[in-house]
Amino acid sequence: MQSEDTLYLIAQQKLGDGNRWTEILKPDGTQFTESDAENLQVGQEVCLPQQSISHRRFALYFSWSRLQEIGAELGKLENRYSSLFEFRRSIWPLYEWAANPSQYKQDISGFLDHVVLFDFQHFSEVISTITGNPVALIQRQSENGTLQLLDENFLEDIDTLIIVSLDHFGTEQKPRGEEVAAIKKFLEREDACLLVCPQHDVGAREDRASHEIEFLHHGDRLVPAQQRIGGFARAILAELGFPIENQFGLNPAKLSHDRSPAPLLTFPDLDDLKILQDVTTFNLHPHLPHYFIPDSLKDSVRVLAKQLINPAAPIHPFVAAGNIYFNALLWILPSGTRVANIFVCDATLWSSAFGGVQSLEFFWRNLALLE
């Protein structure tokens, strides 16, 4: 923006119609409000429609076996997803737009489609706007049993691979040998980026007392006493030589005045890539994992962000041990022939359902502009 520029003038000059100023976007892919348009700054960047500022190709790879997840026994409480019907009842009346069974399946498949996958749409729209490329959304195993492996043919058309590991441990999702080889080859590309995203591991111990303590801490009645998720991500990390574990399901802190996410504890001196530039918060998913780093990896893995645990939540053993923060974003530095960057973070950071979206949009932008 120059000193005399307005969005109306730019739209008139570049798009042929000043009234099209609403099509001009911020670099993070969001629209300008009228207030924004009246308070533009000299030097501020704006993006014309159809003009991308990055050409990275993203893929969201859901590593679950959809066949096994939707086939889970409804009479069993542990280690399965809710059905859409159960979800609707728990948050009534907020999801009654999906009440018609002729349009929305009320079983577990309906929950996966209309709740989980639905929440990733905004991320895909933002990334598509920035890069000019649609975000591929792939499920490892379809309802009919078809497998989409992470092989070389799949990976050659991707620059940023996000492994959304929402697979339950009990489904035993693990990469095959040829997939591990393909990922290692992918990581030898300078333009590649891998994000491994296991979600929570709630109820890892088998005793009833610890289950109750964890359940009371996170407070989400849709999550049963035990819900262990992220097996595929753990296996990938172990195969790459980084046995990082997703632990617990911790309740994040929120600000008292507006119930928004509490600020992240970040380490800018370690963030050489500026991946957290302008990022102040993540989200308020009620049960977020702590990423445990073995001592053997201390020199090769950096903690870029920690999230504050909700001090008002019933005490968790991790808190009782003296912890007030949990590791929320890790960076595995390039080494040897692996020149690509690897990040470890929660799968919900690509979701718009748990608050903090404006800050997350900056995180998404930074990933899209990563060189």
Protein backbone atom coordinates (compact mmCIF):
# COMPACT_ATOMS: atom_id res chain seq x y z
CA MET A 1 0.00 0.00 0.00
CA GLN A 2 1.19 3.50 -0.90
CA SER A 3 0.22 6.70 0.87
CA GLU A 4 -2.74 7.50 -1.41
CA ASP A 5 -3.98 3.95 -1.88
CA THR A 6 -7.38 2.66 -0.84
CA LEU A 7 -8.86 -0.77 -1.42
CA TYR A 8 -11.53 0.85 -3.60
CA LEU A 9 -8.88 2.53 -5.78
CA ILE A 10 -6.84 -0.66 -6.11
CA ALA A 11 -9.94 -2.65 -7.05
CA GLN A 12 -10.83 -0.01 -9.63
CA GLN A 13 -7.33 -0.05 -11.13
CA LYS A 14 -6.60 -3.78 -10.97
CA LEU A 15 -10.04 -5.39 -11.12
CA GLY A 16 -11.93 -2.81 -13.15
CA ASP A 17 -14.55 -2.13 -10.47
CA GLY A 18 -13.99 -0.33 -7.17
CA ASN A 19 -16.92 -2.16 -5.62
CA ARG A 20 -14.89 -5.36 -5.85
CA TRP A 21 -12.64 -4.17 -3.00
CA THR A 22 -14.11 -6.87 -0.75
CA GLU A 23 -12.39 -9.49 -2.94
CA ILE A 24 -8.99 -8.14 -1.94
CA LEU A 25 -7.57 -10.23 0.88
CA LYS A 26 -5.01 -10.03 3.65
CA PRO A 27 -1.88 -12.19 3.20
CA ASP A 28 -3.34 -14.76 5.63
CA GLY A 29 -6.32 -15.24 3.31
CA THR A 30 -8.91 -13.40 5.41
CA GLN A 31 -11.11 -10.53 4.27
CA PHE A 32 -10.81 -6.86 5.20
CA THR A 33 -13.62 -5.43 7.30
CA GLU A 34 -14.80 -1.88 6.64
CA SER A 35 -12.88 -0.80 9.74
CA ASP A 36 -9.73 -2.48 8.41
CA ALA A 37 -10.18 -0.74 5.06
CA GLU A 38 -10.36 2.66 6.76
CA ASN A 39 -7.17 2.10 8.74
CA LEU A 40 -4.68 0.77 6.19
CA GLN A 41 -1.01 1.47 6.72
CA VAL A 42 1.64 2.46 4.19
CA GLY A 43 3.64 -0.65 3.30
CA GLN A 44 0.85 -3.02 4.26
CA GLU A 45 0.51 -6.00 1.89
CA VAL A 46 -2.76 -6.94 0.23
CA CYS A 47 -3.52 -9.78 -2.18
CA LEU A 48 -5.62 -9.56 -5.31
CA PRO A 49 -8.01 -12.42 -6.07
CA GLN A 50 -6.45 -15.29 -7.99
CA GLN A 51 -3.00 -13.99 -7.10
CA SER A 52 -1.17 -16.42 -4.87
CA ILE A 53 1.94 -15.55 -2.87
CA SER A 54 3.06 -19.15 -2.49
CA HIS A 55 2.66 -22.27 -4.57
CA ARG A 56 3.11 -24.93 -1.92
CA ARG A 57 0.99 -28.04 -2.28
CA PHE A 58 -0.61 -29.19 0.99
CA ALA A 59 -2.15 -32.51 1.94
CA LEU A 60 -4.09 -33.43 5.08
CA TYR A 61 -3.57 -37.16 5.55
CA PHE A 62 -6.01 -38.67 8.06
CA SER A 63 -4.20 -41.80 9.15
CA TRP A 64 -7.24 -43.56 10.55
CA SER A 65 -8.86 -46.68 9.25
CA ARG A 66 -12.28 -45.26 8.56
CA LEU A 67 -13.55 -48.83 8.18
CA GLN A 68 -12.54 -49.72 11.74
CA GLU A 69 -13.45 -46.38 13.32
CA ILE A 70 -17.03 -46.38 12.08
CA GLY A 71 -17.38 -50.08 12.83
CA ALA A 72 -16.64 -49.64 16.54
CA GLU A 73 -19.19 -51.23 18.85
CA LEU A 74 -21.59 -48.58 20.15
CA GLY A 75 -22.15 -50.48 23.37
CA LYS A 76 -18.49 -49.99 24.26
CA LEU A 77 -17.63 -46.61 25.75
CA GLU A 78 -13.83 -46.63 25.51
CA ASN A 79 -11.62 -45.96 22.51
CA ARG A 80 -14.18 -45.01 19.93
CA TYR A 81 -15.60 -41.83 18.47
CA SER A 82 -19.09 -40.60 19.28
CA SER A 83 -21.92 -41.09 16.88
CA LEU A 84 -23.42 -37.92 15.44
CA PHE A 85 -26.56 -38.64 17.46
CA GLU A 86 -24.58 -38.78 20.72
CA PHE A 87 -22.73 -35.59 19.81
CA ARG A 88 -25.96 -33.74 19.00
CA ARG A 89 -27.50 -34.78 22.29
CA SER A 90 -24.47 -33.67 24.31
CA ILE A 91 -24.44 -30.12 22.90
CA TRP A 92 -28.14 -29.66 22.12
CA PRO A 93 -29.39 -27.51 20.43
CA LEU A 94 -26.22 -26.27 18.73
CA TYR A 95 -26.01 -29.01 16.09
CA GLU A 96 -29.68 -29.47 15.24
CA TRP A 97 -29.01 -28.39 11.66
CA ALA A 98 -27.69 -31.95 11.26
CA ALA A 99 -30.72 -33.67 12.79
CA ASN A 100 -32.32 -34.95 9.58
CA PRO A 101 -31.21 -38.59 9.15
CA SER A 102 -32.04 -38.53 5.43
CA GLN A 103 -29.34 -35.88 4.95
CA TYR A 104 -26.90 -36.59 7.79
CA LYS A 105 -25.96 -40.05 8.95
CA GLN A 106 -26.45 -40.23 12.70
CA ASP A 107 -23.78 -42.90 13.29
CA ILE A 108 -20.02 -42.61 13.79
CA SER A 109 -19.47 -41.93 10.08
CA GLY A 110 -21.75 -38.91 10.41
CA PHE A 111 -19.63 -37.64 13.30
CA LEU A 112 -16.42 -38.05 11.30
CA ASP A 113 -17.86 -36.26 8.26
CA HIS A 114 -20.01 -33.52 9.73
CA VAL A 115 -18.00 -32.73 12.85
CA VAL A 116 -14.34 -33.74 12.50
CA LEU A 117 -13.71 -33.26 8.77
CA PHE A 118 -16.09 -30.30 8.61
CA ASP A 119 -13.92 -28.43 11.11
CA PHE A 120 -10.91 -28.54 8.74
CA GLN A 121 -12.64 -26.65 5.92
CA HIS A 122 -11.56 -23.18 6.99
CA PHE A 123 -7.91 -24.22 7.12
CA SER A 124 -8.20 -25.60 3.59
CA GLU A 125 -9.81 -22.40 2.35
CA VAL A 126 -7.09 -20.20 3.87
CA ILE A 127 -4.27 -22.33 2.48
CA SER A 128 -5.90 -22.53 -0.95
CA THR A 129 -6.21 -18.74 -1.07
CA ILE A 130 -2.56 -18.24 -0.19
CA THR A 131 -1.09 -20.94 -2.41
CA GLY A 132 -3.55 -21.06 -5.30
CA ASN A 133 -3.70 -24.84 -4.83
CA PRO A 134 -6.49 -26.90 -3.27
CA VAL A 135 -5.62 -28.83 -0.11
CA ALA A 136 -5.81 -32.58 -0.67
CA LEU A 137 -7.76 -34.40 2.05
CA ILE A 138 -6.95 -38.11 2.15
CA GLN A 139 -8.14 -40.87 4.48
CA ARG A 140 -5.77 -43.80 4.89
CA GLN A 141 -8.45 -46.47 4.71
CA SER A 142 -11.89 -45.84 3.26
CA GLU A 143 -15.16 -47.41 4.33
CA ASN A 144 -14.80 -50.10 1.67
CA GLY A 145 -11.29 -50.97 2.86
CA THR A 146 -9.32 -49.23 0.11
CA LEU A 147 -5.90 -48.10 1.32
CA GLN A 148 -4.12 -44.89 0.32
CA LEU A 149 -0.52 -45.43 1.25
CA LEU A 150 2.11 -42.74 1.68
CA ASP A 151 4.10 -43.99 -1.28
CA GLU A 152 6.40 -42.13 -3.66
CA ASN A 153 3.67 -41.52 -6.24
CA PHE A 154 1.51 -39.86 -3.61
CA LEU A 155 4.29 -37.77 -2.10
CA GLU A 156 5.76 -36.44 -5.34
CA ASP A 157 2.78 -34.09 -5.75
CA ILE A 158 3.01 -32.68 -2.21
CA ASP A 159 5.30 -30.14 -0.54
CA THR A 160 3.69 -29.94 2.91
CA LEU A 161 2.37 -33.20 4.34
CA ILE A 162 0.24 -32.99 7.50
CA ILE A 163 -0.34 -36.38 9.11
CA VAL A 164 -3.53 -35.96 11.11
CA SER A 165 -3.20 -38.92 13.45
CA LEU A 166 -6.69 -39.31 14.86
CA ASP A 167 -6.50 -43.09 14.70
CA HIS A 168 -7.26 -45.05 17.85
CA PHE A 169 -4.40 -47.23 19.12
CA GLY A 170 -6.66 -50.28 18.97
CA THR A 171 -6.89 -50.08 15.17
CA GLU A 172 -3.10 -50.63 14.99
CA GLN A 173 -2.35 -48.19 12.21
CA LYS A 174 1.36 -48.35 11.34
CA PRO A 175 3.35 -47.37 8.25
CA ARG A 176 4.60 -50.12 5.98
CA GLY A 177 8.26 -50.45 5.14
CA GLU A 178 7.81 -48.91 1.68
CA GLU A 179 5.99 -45.96 3.24
CA VAL A 180 8.83 -45.29 5.67
CA ALA A 181 11.28 -45.38 2.76
CA ALA A 182 9.10 -43.00 0.74
CA ILE A 183 8.81 -40.54 3.63
CA LYS A 184 12.57 -40.59 4.18
CA LYS A 185 13.06 -39.84 0.49
CA PHE A 186 10.44 -37.07 0.73
CA LEU A 187 12.40 -35.52 3.59
CA GLU A 188 15.49 -35.28 1.37
CA ARG A 189 13.73 -32.60 -0.68
CA GLU A 190 14.61 -29.03 0.26
CA ASP A 191 11.07 -27.84 -0.43
CA ALA A 192 9.42 -30.52 1.72
CA CYS A 193 7.84 -30.07 5.14
CA LEU A 194 6.34 -32.77 7.36
CA LEU A 195 3.95 -32.11 10.24
CA VAL A 196 3.18 -35.09 12.45
CA CYS A 197 0.08 -34.54 14.55
CA PRO A 198 -0.92 -37.14 17.13
CA GLN A 199 -3.79 -36.09 19.35
CA HIS A 200 -4.37 -36.96 23.00
CA ASP A 201 -3.70 -40.16 24.90
CA VAL A 202 -6.34 -40.15 27.63
CA GLY A 203 -6.48 -42.98 30.15
CA ALA A 204 -3.16 -44.65 29.30
CA ARG A 205 -3.16 -46.42 32.66
CA GLU A 206 -5.66 -49.20 33.19
CA ASP A 207 -6.89 -48.40 36.71
CA ARG A 208 -10.29 -46.82 37.33
CA ALA A 209 -8.98 -44.21 39.77
CA SER A 210 -6.57 -42.62 37.27
CA HIS A 211 -9.29 -42.65 34.62
CA GLU A 212 -11.59 -40.67 36.90
CA ILE A 213 -8.87 -38.14 37.71
CA GLU A 214 -8.13 -37.51 34.02
CA PHE A 215 -11.82 -37.38 33.13
CA LEU A 216 -12.55 -34.77 35.78
CA HIS A 217 -9.55 -32.71 34.66
CA HIS A 218 -10.51 -32.32 31.00
CA GLY A 219 -14.25 -32.28 31.68
CA ASP A 220 -15.38 -33.31 28.19
CA ARG A 221 -18.26 -35.73 28.63
CA LEU A 222 -17.89 -36.97 25.06
CA VAL A 223 -14.45 -38.40 25.81
CA PRO A 224 -14.68 -41.68 27.71
CA ALA A 225 -12.43 -42.98 30.47
CA GLN A 226 -9.93 -44.16 27.89
CA GLN A 227 -9.38 -42.71 24.43
CA ARG A 228 -5.90 -43.42 23.14
CA ILE A 229 -5.28 -41.72 19.80
CA GLY A 230 -2.27 -41.13 17.56
CA GLY A 231 -0.70 -44.54 17.02
CA PHE A 232 0.24 -43.92 13.39
CA ALA A 233 2.04 -40.68 14.24
CA ARG A 234 3.96 -42.33 17.05
CA ALA A 235 5.02 -45.12 14.71
CA ILE A 236 6.16 -42.68 12.01
CA LEU A 237 8.20 -40.66 14.48
CA ALA A 238 9.80 -43.80 15.90
CA GLU A 239 10.71 -45.03 12.42
CA LEU A 240 12.38 -41.69 11.71
CA GLY A 241 14.40 -41.99 14.90
CA PHE A 242 12.33 -39.62 17.04
CA PRO A 243 10.30 -41.63 19.59
CA ILE A 244 8.31 -38.64 20.80
CA GLU A 245 5.13 -39.54 22.68
CA ASN A 246 1.81 -37.74 22.91
CA GLN A 247 0.87 -37.92 26.58
CA PHE A 248 -2.36 -37.19 28.46
CA GLY A 249 -5.24 -34.92 27.57
CA LEU A 250 -4.59 -31.62 29.31
CA ASN A 251 -7.08 -28.80 29.71
CA PRO A 252 -5.59 -25.52 28.39
CA ALA A 253 -5.91 -22.21 30.21
CA LYS A 254 -8.21 -19.43 29.04
CA LEU A 255 -8.40 -15.73 29.78
CA SER A 256 -10.96 -14.84 32.45
CA HIS A 257 -12.37 -11.72 30.77
CA ASP A 258 -13.33 -13.20 27.39
CA ARG A 259 -12.70 -16.97 27.70
CA SER A 260 -10.21 -16.88 24.82
CA PRO A 261 -7.04 -19.02 24.79
CA ALA A 262 -4.30 -17.93 27.15
CA PRO A 263 -1.10 -16.68 25.43
CA LEU A 264 1.48 -19.21 24.34
CA LEU A 265 4.89 -19.36 25.95
CA THR A 266 7.12 -19.10 22.89
CA PHE A 267 10.87 -19.14 22.33
CA PRO A 268 11.64 -16.72 19.47
CA ASP A 269 15.40 -17.22 19.77
CA LEU A 270 14.89 -20.88 18.80
CA ASP A 271 12.40 -20.16 16.01
CA ASP A 272 14.85 -19.59 13.15
CA LEU A 273 12.12 -20.16 10.56
CA LYS A 274 9.73 -17.61 12.17
CA ILE A 275 7.03 -20.23 12.08
CA LEU A 276 5.32 -18.51 15.04
CA GLN A 277 5.61 -14.96 13.75
CA ASP A 278 2.44 -13.05 14.82
CA VAL A 279 1.13 -16.24 16.49
CA THR A 280 0.06 -15.53 20.07
CA THR A 281 -2.28 -18.41 20.93
CA PHE A 282 -3.32 -21.87 19.78
CA ASN A 283 -6.76 -23.19 20.73
CA LEU A 284 -8.94 -24.42 23.59
CA HIS A 285 -9.51 -28.04 22.70
CA PRO A 286 -10.29 -29.41 26.19
CA HIS A 287 -7.80 -32.29 26.11
CA LEU A 288 -4.48 -31.49 24.45
CA PRO A 289 -1.39 -33.70 24.58
CA HIS A 290 2.00 -33.00 26.09
CA TYR A 291 4.77 -34.02 23.68
CA PHE A 292 7.37 -35.88 25.68
CA ILE A 293 10.93 -35.66 24.36
CA PRO A 294 13.39 -38.37 25.47
CA ASP A 295 16.70 -37.09 26.81
CA SER A 296 18.49 -38.60 23.82
CA LEU A 297 16.70 -36.11 21.52
CA LYS A 298 17.32 -32.91 23.48
CA ASP A 299 19.91 -31.65 20.97
CA SER A 300 17.89 -32.44 17.84
CA VAL A 301 14.39 -31.33 18.89
CA ARG A 302 13.43 -27.78 19.87
CA VAL A 303 10.35 -26.81 21.86
CA LEU A 304 8.99 -23.73 20.06
CA ALA A 305 5.80 -23.27 22.08
CA LYS A 306 4.30 -24.33 25.37
CA GLN A 307 0.68 -23.94 26.42
CA LEU A 308 -0.49 -23.08 29.92
CA ILE A 309 -2.56 -25.72 31.72
CA ASN A 310 -5.88 -24.51 33.09
CA PRO A 311 -5.18 -23.74 36.78
CA ALA A 312 -8.92 -23.86 37.55
CA ALA A 313 -9.32 -27.44 36.28
CA PRO A 314 -9.30 -30.34 38.73
CA ILE A 315 -5.69 -31.33 39.31
CA HIS A 316 -4.01 -33.74 36.92
CA PRO A 317 -1.02 -35.96 37.88
CA PHE A 318 1.12 -34.04 35.34
CA VAL A 319 0.31 -30.84 37.23
CA ALA A 320 0.79 -32.50 40.60
CA ALA A 321 4.31 -33.38 39.43
CA GLY A 322 5.08 -29.65 39.19
CA ASN A 323 4.21 -28.84 35.58
CA ILE A 324 2.17 -25.77 34.66
CA TYR A 325 2.87 -25.86 30.89
CA PHE A 326 2.84 -28.63 28.30
CA ASN A 327 4.88 -28.87 25.09
CA ALA A 328 2.62 -27.76 22.24
CA LEU A 329 4.91 -27.34 19.20
CA LEU A 330 8.17 -29.12 18.47
CA TRP A 331 10.64 -28.56 15.63
CA ILE A 332 12.88 -31.44 14.56
CA LEU A 333 15.84 -29.78 12.89
CA PRO A 334 17.22 -31.00 9.54
CA SER A 335 20.17 -33.34 9.87
CA GLY A 336 22.37 -35.23 7.42
CA THR A 337 20.57 -36.05 4.18
CA ARG A 338 17.23 -35.01 5.74
CA VAL A 339 17.06 -31.37 4.71
CA ALA A 340 13.31 -30.99 5.25
CA ASN A 341 11.77 -29.64 8.46
CA ILE A 342 9.59 -31.76 10.72
CA PHE A 343 7.13 -30.31 13.22
CA VAL A 344 5.10 -32.09 15.88
CA CYS A 345 1.87 -30.51 17.09
CA ASP A 346 -1.74 -31.31 17.85
CA ALA A 347 -4.16 -32.36 15.11
CA THR A 348 -6.69 -29.72 16.20
CA LEU A 349 -4.37 -26.87 15.13
CA TRP A 350 -5.90 -27.28 11.66
CA SER A 351 -9.43 -27.06 13.05
CA SER A 352 -11.50 -23.91 13.48
CA ALA A 353 -13.79 -25.38 16.15
CA PHE A 354 -11.92 -24.59 19.35
CA GLY A 355 -11.18 -20.87 19.29
CA GLY A 356 -8.02 -18.91 18.62
CA VAL A 357 -8.73 -18.94 14.89
CA GLN A 358 -7.29 -15.51 14.10
CA SER A 359 -3.94 -16.46 15.62
CA LEU A 360 -4.03 -19.89 14.00
CA GLU A 361 -4.51 -18.24 10.63
CA PHE A 362 -1.09 -16.60 11.07
CA PHE A 363 0.37 -20.00 11.88
CA TRP A 364 -1.17 -21.44 8.72
CA ARG A 365 0.13 -18.49 6.69
CA ASN A 366 3.65 -18.96 8.00
CA LEU A 367 3.57 -22.60 6.99
CA ALA A 368 2.28 -21.73 3.53
CA LEU A 369 5.10 -19.20 3.06
CA LEU A 370 7.82 -21.48 4.40
CA GLU A 371 10.78 -21.60 2.03
